Amino acid sequence: MASKTKKELKNYFEPYNQELQLYLNKRLGW
């Protein structure tokens, strides 16, 4: 049950993490 919730949370935050990564890449010039 907990692992399922964890996976759902990961899927929920995945797009946000990608957007954040792109933002940081542009910001820091990576």
PDB file of N, CA and C in Angstrom:
ATOM      1  N   MET A   1       0.832  -1.211   0.000  1.00  0.00           N
ATOM      2  CA  MET A   1       0.000   0.000   0.000  1.00  0.00           C
ATOM      3  C   MET A   1       0.865   1.259   0.000  1.00  0.00           C
ATOM      4  N   ALA A   2       1.835   1.273   0.883  1.00  0.00           N
ATOM      5  CA  ALA A   2       2.709   2.439   0.984  1.00  0.00           C
ATOM      6  C   ALA A   2       3.522   2.638  -0.295  1.00  0.00           C
ATOM      7  N   SER A   3       4.020   1.510  -0.825  1.00  0.00           N
ATOM      8  CA  SER A   3       4.815   1.594  -2.061  1.00  0.00           C
ATOM      9  C   SER A   3       3.958   2.111  -3.222  1.00  0.00           C
ATOM     10  N   LYS A   4       2.683   1.712  -3.249  1.00  0.00           N
ATOM     11  CA  LYS A   4       1.786   2.178  -4.300  1.00  0.00           C
ATOM     12  C   LYS A   4       1.616   3.693  -4.205  1.00  0.00           C
ATOM     13  N   THR A   5       1.420   4.163  -2.987  1.00  0.00           N
ATOM     14  CA  THR A   5       1.253   5.603  -2.769  1.00  0.00           C
ATOM     15  C   THR A   5       2.533   6.344  -3.162  1.00  0.00           C
ATOM     16  N   LYS A   6       3.660   5.768  -2.800  1.00  0.00           N
ATOM     17  CA  LYS A   6       4.950   6.371  -3.128  1.00  0.00           C
ATOM     18  C   LYS A   6       5.101   6.486  -4.644  1.00  0.00           C
ATOM     19  N   LYS A   7       4.709   5.420  -5.339  1.00  0.00           N
ATOM     20  CA  LYS A   7       4.814   5.430  -6.805  1.00  0.00           C
ATOM     21  C   LYS A   7       3.890   6.487  -7.395  1.00  0.00           C
ATOM     22  N   GLU A   8       2.700   6.591  -6.851  1.00  0.00           N
ATOM     23  CA  GLU A   8       1.741   7.588  -7.342  1.00  0.00           C
ATOM     24  C   GLU A   8       2.293   8.992  -7.122  1.00  0.00           C
ATOM     25  N   LEU A   9       2.895   9.211  -5.984  1.00  0.00           N
ATOM     26  CA  LEU A   9       3.496  10.513  -5.696  1.00  0.00           C
ATOM     27  C   LEU A   9       4.613  10.818  -6.678  1.00  0.00           C
ATOM     28  N   LYS A  10       5.433   9.803  -6.969  1.00  0.00           N
ATOM     29  CA  LYS A  10       6.525   9.983  -7.918  1.00  0.00           C
ATOM     30  C   LYS A  10       5.973  10.368  -9.289  1.00  0.00           C
ATOM     31  N   ASN A  11       4.937   9.647  -9.728  1.00  0.00           N
ATOM     32  CA  ASN A  11       4.329   9.943 -11.021  1.00  0.00           C
ATOM     33  C   ASN A  11       3.726  11.339 -11.038  1.00  0.00           C
ATOM     34  N   TYR A  12       3.173  11.742  -9.896  1.00  0.00           N
ATOM     35  CA  TYR A  12       2.546  13.063  -9.799  1.00  0.00           C
ATOM     36  C   TYR A  12       3.590  14.169  -9.900  1.00  0.00           C
ATOM     37  N   PHE A  13       4.734  13.957  -9.264  1.00  0.00           N
ATOM     38  CA  PHE A  13       5.766  14.990  -9.233  1.00  0.00           C
ATOM     39  C   PHE A  13       6.748  14.924 -10.391  1.00  0.00           C
ATOM     40  N   GLU A  14       6.673  13.854 -11.173  1.00  0.00           N
ATOM     41  CA  GLU A  14       7.629  13.666 -12.273  1.00  0.00           C
ATOM     42  C   GLU A  14       7.675  14.853 -13.230  1.00  0.00           C
ATOM     43  N   PRO A  15       6.536  15.315 -13.768  1.00  0.00           N
ATOM     44  CA  PRO A  15       6.566  16.460 -14.695  1.00  0.00           C
ATOM     45  C   PRO A  15       7.131  17.712 -14.025  1.00  0.00           C
ATOM     46  N   TYR A  16       6.785  17.917 -12.758  1.00  0.00           N
ATOM     47  CA  TYR A  16       7.287  19.073 -12.027  1.00  0.00           C
ATOM     48  C   TYR A  16       8.808  19.010 -11.911  1.00  0.00           C
ATOM     49  N   ASN A  17       9.314  17.836 -11.602  1.00  0.00           N
ATOM     50  CA  ASN A  17      10.765  17.663 -11.489  1.00  0.00           C
ATOM     51  C   ASN A  17      11.461  17.948 -12.811  1.00  0.00           C
ATOM     52  N   GLN A  18      10.864  17.505 -13.911  1.00  0.00           N
ATOM     53  CA  GLN A  18      11.456  17.752 -15.226  1.00  0.00           C
ATOM     54  C   GLN A  18      11.462  19.247 -15.531  1.00  0.00           C
ATOM     55  N   GLU A  19      10.371  19.927 -15.226  1.00  0.00           N
ATOM     56  CA  GLU A  19      10.303  21.368 -15.450  1.00  0.00           C
ATOM     57  C   GLU A  19      11.341  22.087 -14.609  1.00  0.00           C
ATOM     58  N   LEU A  20      11.463  21.666 -13.356  1.00  0.00           N
ATOM     59  CA  LEU A  20      12.434  22.274 -12.449  1.00  0.00           C
ATOM     60  C   LEU A  20      13.848  22.057 -12.965  1.00  0.00           C
ATOM     61  N   GLN A  21      14.109  20.856 -13.474  1.00  0.00           N
ATOM     62  CA  GLN A  21      15.429  20.535 -14.010  1.00  0.00           C
ATOM     63  C   GLN A  21      15.751  21.420 -15.207  1.00  0.00           C
ATOM     64  N   LEU A  22      14.786  21.575 -16.109  1.00  0.00           N
ATOM     65  CA  LEU A  22      14.992  22.436 -17.273  1.00  0.00           C
ATOM     66  C   LEU A  22      15.253  23.873 -16.844  1.00  0.00           C
ATOM     67  N   TYR A  23      14.496  24.337 -15.868  1.00  0.00           N
ATOM     68  CA  TYR A  23      14.663  25.701 -15.361  1.00  0.00           C
ATOM     69  C   TYR A  23      16.057  25.883 -14.781  1.00  0.00           C
ATOM     70  N   LEU A  24      16.488  24.928 -13.960  1.00  0.00           N
ATOM     71  CA  LEU A  24      17.817  25.020 -13.351  1.00  0.00           C
ATOM     72  C   LEU A  24      18.904  24.948 -14.411  1.00  0.00           C
ATOM     73  N   ASN A  25      18.700  24.106 -15.412  1.00  0.00           N
ATOM     74  CA  ASN A  25      19.689  23.981 -16.487  1.00  0.00           C
ATOM     75  C   ASN A  25      19.870  25.312 -17.205  1.00  0.00           C
ATOM     76  N   LYS A  26      18.777  25.977 -17.530  1.00  0.00           N
ATOM     77  CA  LYS A  26      18.858  27.281 -18.196  1.00  0.00           C
ATOM     78  C   LYS A  26      19.477  28.311 -17.270  1.00  0.00           C
ATOM     79  N   ARG A  27      19.043  28.284 -16.021  1.00  0.00           N
ATOM     80  CA  ARG A  27      19.467  29.266 -15.033  1.00  0.00           C
ATOM     81  C   ARG A  27      20.973  29.160 -14.760  1.00  0.00           C
ATOM     82  N   LEU A  28      21.450  27.918 -14.611  1.00  0.00           N
ATOM     83  CA  LEU A  28      22.846  27.706 -14.252  1.00  0.00           C
ATOM     84  C   LEU A  28      23.734  27.459 -15.460  1.00  0.00           C
ATOM     85  N   GLY A  29      23.107  27.348 -16.632  1.00  0.00           N
ATOM     86  CA  GLY A  29      23.879  27.150 -17.845  1.00  0.00           C
ATOM     87  C   GLY A  29      24.500  25.774 -17.943  1.00  0.00           C
ATOM     88  N   TRP A  30      23.818  24.762 -17.414  1.00  0.00           N
ATOM     89  CA  TRP A  30      24.300  23.389 -17.555  1.00  0.00           C
ATOM     90  C   TRP A  30      23.975  22.964 -18.934  1.00  0.00           C
TER      91      TRP A  30
END
